[in-house]
Amino acid sequence: MAATTLTMPVAHASGPPIALPPAIRLAHHAVLALDLGTTTGWALRGHDGGITSGTMTFRPSRFEGGGMRFLRFRGWLAEVAALSGGVARIVFEEVRAHAGTDAAHIYGGFLAHLSAWCEERSIAYQGVPVATIKRFATGKGNADKAKMVAAIQARGFAPADDNEADAIALLLWATDPTGGRA
């Protein structure tokens, strides 16, 4: 089948130039923080400065292939971006050591899809080491899960689990005016 080219009629080819949309300021776009994994913790600071958070599970059913978790993840990212009115920046927990091989492979898959998704849309993304997030939230770079949850609860949040607590801590670090160096 031959490729066809649609040409604009001459009557419509000239005329006023197409107006470009007004520039969008970064300060008015959402920041999304992610604790990547099959159960991903997320926290979003919207245009109004309010914070919304939760967890999302991307576990495939027994009748699906392993790639379905990543397809769902990409679809979910697009939905969050659309519902928030645009995401300007994504920060994620940068894990360097994993409990097992499967966890490392799954994390790598999420990271690959996240970075490709951000690159396709020209969205800034940044990995933040686990110890940096823990130090910011608790004062100790090796704090356990319970201490992280308690630290986030002390700041007035009610995380459902450690994944959500980590995402909230990461978002607070990323949006802190001192850059997390108070």
C-alpha atoms as a PDB file:
ATOM      1  CA  MET A   1       0.000   0.000   0.000  1.00  0.00           C
ATOM      2  CA  ALA A   2       1.429   3.345  -1.025  1.00  0.00           C
ATOM      3  CA  ALA A   3       1.777   6.133   1.489  1.00  0.00           C
ATOM      4  CA  THR A   4      -0.493   9.081   0.843  1.00  0.00           C
ATOM      5  CA  THR A   5       0.190  12.698   1.596  1.00  0.00           C
ATOM      6  CA  LEU A   6      -2.542  15.085   2.532  1.00  0.00           C
ATOM      7  CA  THR A   7      -1.988  18.566   1.182  1.00  0.00           C
ATOM      8  CA  MET A   8      -3.686  21.678   2.441  1.00  0.00           C
ATOM      9  CA  PRO A   9      -5.832  23.499  -0.115  1.00  0.00           C
ATOM     10  CA  VAL A  10      -4.162  26.656  -1.435  1.00  0.00           C
ATOM     11  CA  ALA A  11      -6.985  28.833  -0.065  1.00  0.00           C
ATOM     12  CA  HIS A  12      -6.136  27.743   3.489  1.00  0.00           C
ATOM     13  CA  ALA A  13      -2.370  27.550   3.102  1.00  0.00           C
ATOM     14  CA  SER A  14      -1.833  31.237   3.708  1.00  0.00           C
ATOM     15  CA  GLY A  15      -3.284  33.398   6.421  1.00  0.00           C
ATOM     16  CA  PRO A  16      -2.436  34.347   9.949  1.00  0.00           C
ATOM     17  CA  PRO A  17       0.301  32.318  11.612  1.00  0.00           C
ATOM     18  CA  ILE A  18      -0.703  29.696  14.099  1.00  0.00           C
ATOM     19  CA  ALA A  19      -0.609  31.115  17.610  1.00  0.00           C
ATOM     20  CA  LEU A  20       1.629  29.270  20.039  1.00  0.00           C
ATOM     21  CA  PRO A  21       0.260  28.500  23.500  1.00  0.00           C
ATOM     22  CA  PRO A  22       1.483  30.806  26.260  1.00  0.00           C
ATOM     23  CA  ALA A  23       4.604  29.698  28.118  1.00  0.00           C
ATOM     24  CA  ILE A  24       3.859  27.541  31.124  1.00  0.00           C
ATOM     25  CA  ARG A  25       5.785  28.253  34.301  1.00  0.00           C
ATOM     26  CA  LEU A  26       7.337  25.276  36.056  1.00  0.00           C
ATOM     27  CA  ALA A  27       6.117  26.509  39.447  1.00  0.00           C
ATOM     28  CA  HIS A  28       2.529  25.852  38.417  1.00  0.00           C
ATOM     29  CA  HIS A  29       3.017  22.211  37.486  1.00  0.00           C
ATOM     30  CA  ALA A  30       2.796  19.156  39.659  1.00  0.00           C
ATOM     31  CA  VAL A  31       5.738  17.303  41.178  1.00  0.00           C
ATOM     32  CA  LEU A  32       5.369  13.519  41.433  1.00  0.00           C
ATOM     33  CA  ALA A  33       7.425  11.379  43.843  1.00  0.00           C
ATOM     34  CA  LEU A  34       7.617   7.615  43.372  1.00  0.00           C
ATOM     35  CA  ASP A  35       8.810   4.681  45.455  1.00  0.00           C
ATOM     36  CA  LEU A  36       9.072   2.286  42.507  1.00  0.00           C
ATOM     37  CA  GLY A  37       8.024  -1.344  42.758  1.00  0.00           C
ATOM     38  CA  THR A  38       5.166  -3.730  42.130  1.00  0.00           C
ATOM     39  CA  THR A  39       3.420  -1.798  44.905  1.00  0.00           C
ATOM     40  CA  THR A  40       4.456   1.749  44.099  1.00  0.00           C
ATOM     41  CA  GLY A  41       4.126   4.469  46.684  1.00  0.00           C
ATOM     42  CA  TRP A  42       3.349   7.856  45.186  1.00  0.00           C
ATOM     43  CA  ALA A  43       2.912  11.433  46.355  1.00  0.00           C
ATOM     44  CA  LEU A  44       1.878  14.389  44.220  1.00  0.00           C
ATOM     45  CA  ARG A  45       2.163  18.091  44.960  1.00  0.00           C
ATOM     46  CA  GLY A  46      -0.391  19.735  42.709  1.00  0.00           C
ATOM     47  CA  HIS A  47      -0.718  23.208  41.253  1.00  0.00           C
ATOM     48  CA  ASP A  48      -2.321  24.487  44.446  1.00  0.00           C
ATOM     49  CA  GLY A  49       0.489  23.165  46.647  1.00  0.00           C
ATOM     50  CA  GLY A  50      -1.703  20.450  48.166  1.00  0.00           C
ATOM     51  CA  ILE A  51      -0.313  16.944  48.577  1.00  0.00           C
ATOM     52  CA  THR A  52      -2.125  13.767  47.559  1.00  0.00           C
ATOM     53  CA  SER A  53      -0.589  10.344  48.087  1.00  0.00           C
ATOM     54  CA  GLY A  54      -1.268   6.641  47.994  1.00  0.00           C
ATOM     55  CA  THR A  55      -0.092   3.319  46.670  1.00  0.00           C
ATOM     56  CA  MET A  56      -0.709   1.612  43.369  1.00  0.00           C
ATOM     57  CA  THR A  57      -0.246  -2.095  42.707  1.00  0.00           C
ATOM     58  CA  PHE A  58       0.944  -3.249  39.298  1.00  0.00           C
ATOM     59  CA  ARG A  59       1.049  -7.005  39.974  1.00  0.00           C
ATOM     60  CA  PRO A  60       0.028  -9.011  36.895  1.00  0.00           C
ATOM     61  CA  SER A  61      -2.751 -11.574  37.267  1.00  0.00           C
ATOM     62  CA  ARG A  62      -1.973 -15.256  36.849  1.00  0.00           C
ATOM     63  CA  PHE A  63      -3.149 -15.151  33.220  1.00  0.00           C
ATOM     64  CA  GLU A  64      -0.965 -12.198  32.176  1.00  0.00           C
ATOM     65  CA  GLY A  65       2.672 -11.910  31.202  1.00  0.00           C
ATOM     66  CA  GLY A  66       5.192 -10.065  33.356  1.00  0.00           C
ATOM     67  CA  GLY A  67       5.228  -7.117  30.966  1.00  0.00           C
ATOM     68  CA  MET A  68       1.674  -6.173  31.893  1.00  0.00           C
ATOM     69  CA  ARG A  69       2.899  -4.527  35.127  1.00  0.00           C
ATOM     70  CA  PHE A  70       4.959  -2.103  33.029  1.00  0.00           C
ATOM     71  CA  LEU A  71       2.154  -1.375  30.569  1.00  0.00           C
ATOM     72  CA  ARG A  72      -0.150  -0.594  33.498  1.00  0.00           C
ATOM     73  CA  PHE A  73       2.548   1.603  35.019  1.00  0.00           C
ATOM     74  CA  ARG A  74       2.931   3.650  31.834  1.00  0.00           C
ATOM     75  CA  GLY A  75      -0.847   4.014  31.541  1.00  0.00           C
ATOM     76  CA  TRP A  76      -1.051   5.097  35.167  1.00  0.00           C
ATOM     77  CA  LEU A  77       1.700   7.710  34.657  1.00  0.00           C
ATOM     78  CA  ALA A  78      -0.244   9.152  31.715  1.00  0.00           C
ATOM     79  CA  GLU A  79      -3.428   9.241  33.804  1.00  0.00           C
ATOM     80  CA  VAL A  80      -1.697  11.020  36.709  1.00  0.00           C
ATOM     81  CA  ALA A  81      -0.197  13.567  34.316  1.00  0.00           C
ATOM     82  CA  ALA A  82      -3.564  14.212  32.673  1.00  0.00           C
ATOM     83  CA  LEU A  83      -5.527  14.469  35.926  1.00  0.00           C
ATOM     84  CA  SER A  84      -2.961  16.755  37.555  1.00  0.00           C
ATOM     85  CA  GLY A  85      -2.894  19.153  34.621  1.00  0.00           C
ATOM     86  CA  GLY A  86       0.712  18.333  33.777  1.00  0.00           C
ATOM     87  CA  VAL A  87       3.693  16.976  35.657  1.00  0.00           C
ATOM     88  CA  ALA A  88       6.805  19.138  35.512  1.00  0.00           C
ATOM     89  CA  ARG A  89       9.130  16.906  37.504  1.00  0.00           C
ATOM     90  CA  ILE A  90       9.310  13.338  38.760  1.00  0.00           C
ATOM     91  CA  VAL A  91      11.571  12.221  41.571  1.00  0.00           C
ATOM     92  CA  PHE A  92      12.021   8.569  42.451  1.00  0.00           C
ATOM     93  CA  GLU A  93      13.742   6.557  45.137  1.00  0.00           C
ATOM     94  CA  GLU A  94      17.041   5.386  43.697  1.00  0.00           C
ATOM     95  CA  VAL A  95      17.683   1.905  45.070  1.00  0.00           C
ATOM     96  CA  ARG A  96      21.228   0.521  44.758  1.00  0.00           C
ATOM     97  CA  ALA A  97      20.819  -2.777  46.647  1.00  0.00           C
ATOM     98  CA  HIS A  98      17.893  -5.176  46.404  1.00  0.00           C
ATOM     99  CA  ALA A  99      16.779  -8.093  48.584  1.00  0.00           C
ATOM    100  CA  GLY A 100      16.774 -10.456  45.611  1.00  0.00           C
ATOM    101  CA  THR A 101      17.259 -10.867  41.888  1.00  0.00           C
ATOM    102  CA  ASP A 102      13.552 -10.634  41.061  1.00  0.00           C
ATOM    103  CA  ALA A 103      13.223  -7.355  42.972  1.00  0.00           C
ATOM    104  CA  ALA A 104      16.223  -5.944  41.117  1.00  0.00           C
ATOM    105  CA  HIS A 105      14.808  -6.959  37.726  1.00  0.00           C
ATOM    106  CA  ILE A 106      11.379  -5.515  38.503  1.00  0.00           C
ATOM    107  CA  TYR A 107      12.863  -2.245  39.784  1.00  0.00           C
ATOM    108  CA  GLY A 108      15.026  -2.010  36.654  1.00  0.00           C
ATOM    109  CA  GLY A 109      11.950  -2.494  34.472  1.00  0.00           C
ATOM    110  CA  PHE A 110      10.040   0.250  36.263  1.00  0.00           C
ATOM    111  CA  LEU A 111      13.049   2.558  36.056  1.00  0.00           C
ATOM    112  CA  ALA A 112      13.467   1.895  32.323  1.00  0.00           C
ATOM    113  CA  HIS A 113       9.821   2.606  31.593  1.00  0.00           C
ATOM    114  CA  LEU A 114       9.788   5.702  33.823  1.00  0.00           C
ATOM    115  CA  SER A 115      12.869   7.219  32.216  1.00  0.00           C
ATOM    116  CA  ALA A 116      11.639   6.452  28.676  1.00  0.00           C
ATOM    117  CA  TRP A 117       8.190   7.874  29.471  1.00  0.00           C
ATOM    118  CA  CYS A 118       9.754  11.063  30.866  1.00  0.00           C
ATOM    119  CA  GLU A 119      12.142  11.420  27.919  1.00  0.00           C
ATOM    120  CA  GLU A 120       9.267  11.074  25.429  1.00  0.00           C
ATOM    121  CA  ARG A 121       7.441  13.950  27.143  1.00  0.00           C
ATOM    122  CA  SER A 122      10.437  16.120  28.090  1.00  0.00           C
ATOM    123  CA  ILE A 123       9.658  15.766  31.798  1.00  0.00           C
ATOM    124  CA  ALA A 124      12.544  16.236  34.214  1.00  0.00           C
ATOM    125  CA  TYR A 125      13.265  13.196  36.372  1.00  0.00           C
ATOM    126  CA  GLN A 126      15.706  12.571  39.185  1.00  0.00           C
ATOM    127  CA  GLY A 127      16.731   9.609  41.322  1.00  0.00           C
ATOM    128  CA  VAL A 128      17.375  10.286  44.996  1.00  0.00           C
ATOM    129  CA  PRO A 129      19.397   7.819  47.091  1.00  0.00           C
ATOM    130  CA  VAL A 130      17.478   5.959  49.802  1.00  0.00           C
ATOM    131  CA  ALA A 131      19.811   7.221  52.560  1.00  0.00           C
ATOM    132  CA  THR A 132      19.200  10.841  51.529  1.00  0.00           C
ATOM    133  CA  ILE A 133      15.434  10.411  51.856  1.00  0.00           C
ATOM    134  CA  LYS A 134      15.728   8.631  55.217  1.00  0.00           C
ATOM    135  CA  ARG A 135      18.157  11.221  56.580  1.00  0.00           C
ATOM    136  CA  PHE A 136      15.812  14.026  55.540  1.00  0.00           C
ATOM    137  CA  ALA A 137      12.777  12.387  57.162  1.00  0.00           C
ATOM    138  CA  THR A 138      14.286  10.881  60.322  1.00  0.00           C
ATOM    139  CA  GLY A 139      17.773  12.303  60.780  1.00  0.00           C
ATOM    140  CA  LYS A 140      19.300   8.847  60.179  1.00  0.00           C
ATOM    141  CA  GLY A 141      20.282   7.515  56.768  1.00  0.00           C
ATOM    142  CA  ASN A 142      19.637   3.922  57.811  1.00  0.00           C
ATOM    143  CA  ALA A 143      16.225   4.315  59.495  1.00  0.00           C
ATOM    144  CA  ASP A 144      13.950   1.279  59.287  1.00  0.00           C
ATOM    145  CA  LYS A 145      10.473   1.205  57.748  1.00  0.00           C
ATOM    146  CA  ALA A 146       8.682   1.789  61.057  1.00  0.00           C
ATOM    147  CA  LYS A 147      10.744   4.914  61.775  1.00  0.00           C
ATOM    148  CA  MET A 148      10.008   6.269  58.298  1.00  0.00           C
ATOM    149  CA  VAL A 149       6.261   5.753  58.757  1.00  0.00           C
ATOM    150  CA  ALA A 150       6.419   7.358  62.225  1.00  0.00           C
ATOM    151  CA  ALA A 151       8.369  10.363  60.888  1.00  0.00           C
ATOM    152  CA  ILE A 152       5.807  10.983  58.156  1.00  0.00           C
ATOM    153  CA  GLN A 153       2.924  10.555  60.623  1.00  0.00           C
ATOM    154  CA  ALA A 154       4.613  13.138  62.870  1.00  0.00           C
ATOM    155  CA  ARG A 155       4.401  15.590  59.950  1.00  0.00           C
ATOM    156  CA  GLY A 156       0.625  15.165  59.807  1.00  0.00           C
ATOM    157  CA  PHE A 157       0.246  12.499  57.109  1.00  0.00           C
ATOM    158  CA  ALA A 158      -1.435   9.091  57.404  1.00  0.00           C
ATOM    159  CA  PRO A 159       0.469   6.756  55.044  1.00  0.00           C
ATOM    160  CA  ALA A 160      -1.084   3.340  54.419  1.00  0.00           C
ATOM    161  CA  ASP A 161       2.325   1.652  54.385  1.00  0.00           C
ATOM    162  CA  ASP A 162       6.061   2.252  54.109  1.00  0.00           C
ATOM    163  CA  ASN A 163       5.849   2.685  50.313  1.00  0.00           C
ATOM    164  CA  GLU A 164       3.521   5.668  50.673  1.00  0.00           C
ATOM    165  CA  ALA A 165       5.588   7.043  53.578  1.00  0.00           C
ATOM    166  CA  ASP A 166       8.757   6.889  51.461  1.00  0.00           C
ATOM    167  CA  ALA A 167       7.020   8.678  48.567  1.00  0.00           C
ATOM    168  CA  ILE A 168       5.747  11.446  50.865  1.00  0.00           C
ATOM    169  CA  ALA A 169       9.209  11.888  52.398  1.00  0.00           C
ATOM    170  CA  LEU A 170      10.711  12.053  48.918  1.00  0.00           C
ATOM    171  CA  LEU A 171       8.162  14.652  47.801  1.00  0.00           C
ATOM    172  CA  LEU A 172       8.820  16.775  50.891  1.00  0.00           C
ATOM    173  CA  TRP A 173      12.562  16.550  50.205  1.00  0.00           C
ATOM    174  CA  ALA A 174      12.118  17.463  46.524  1.00  0.00           C
ATOM    175  CA  THR A 175       9.893  20.470  47.235  1.00  0.00           C
ATOM    176  CA  ASP A 176      11.727  21.726  50.327  1.00  0.00           C
ATOM    177  CA  PRO A 177      12.891  25.321  49.716  1.00  0.00           C
ATOM    178  CA  THR A 178      16.304  24.525  51.224  1.00  0.00           C
ATOM    179  CA  GLY A 179      16.739  21.552  48.915  1.00  0.00           C
ATOM    180  CA  GLY A 180      16.453  19.116  51.789  1.00  0.00           C
ATOM    181  CA  ARG A 181      19.464  20.626  53.533  1.00  0.00           C
ATOM    182  CA  ALA A 182      17.830  22.314  56.518  1.00  0.00           C
END
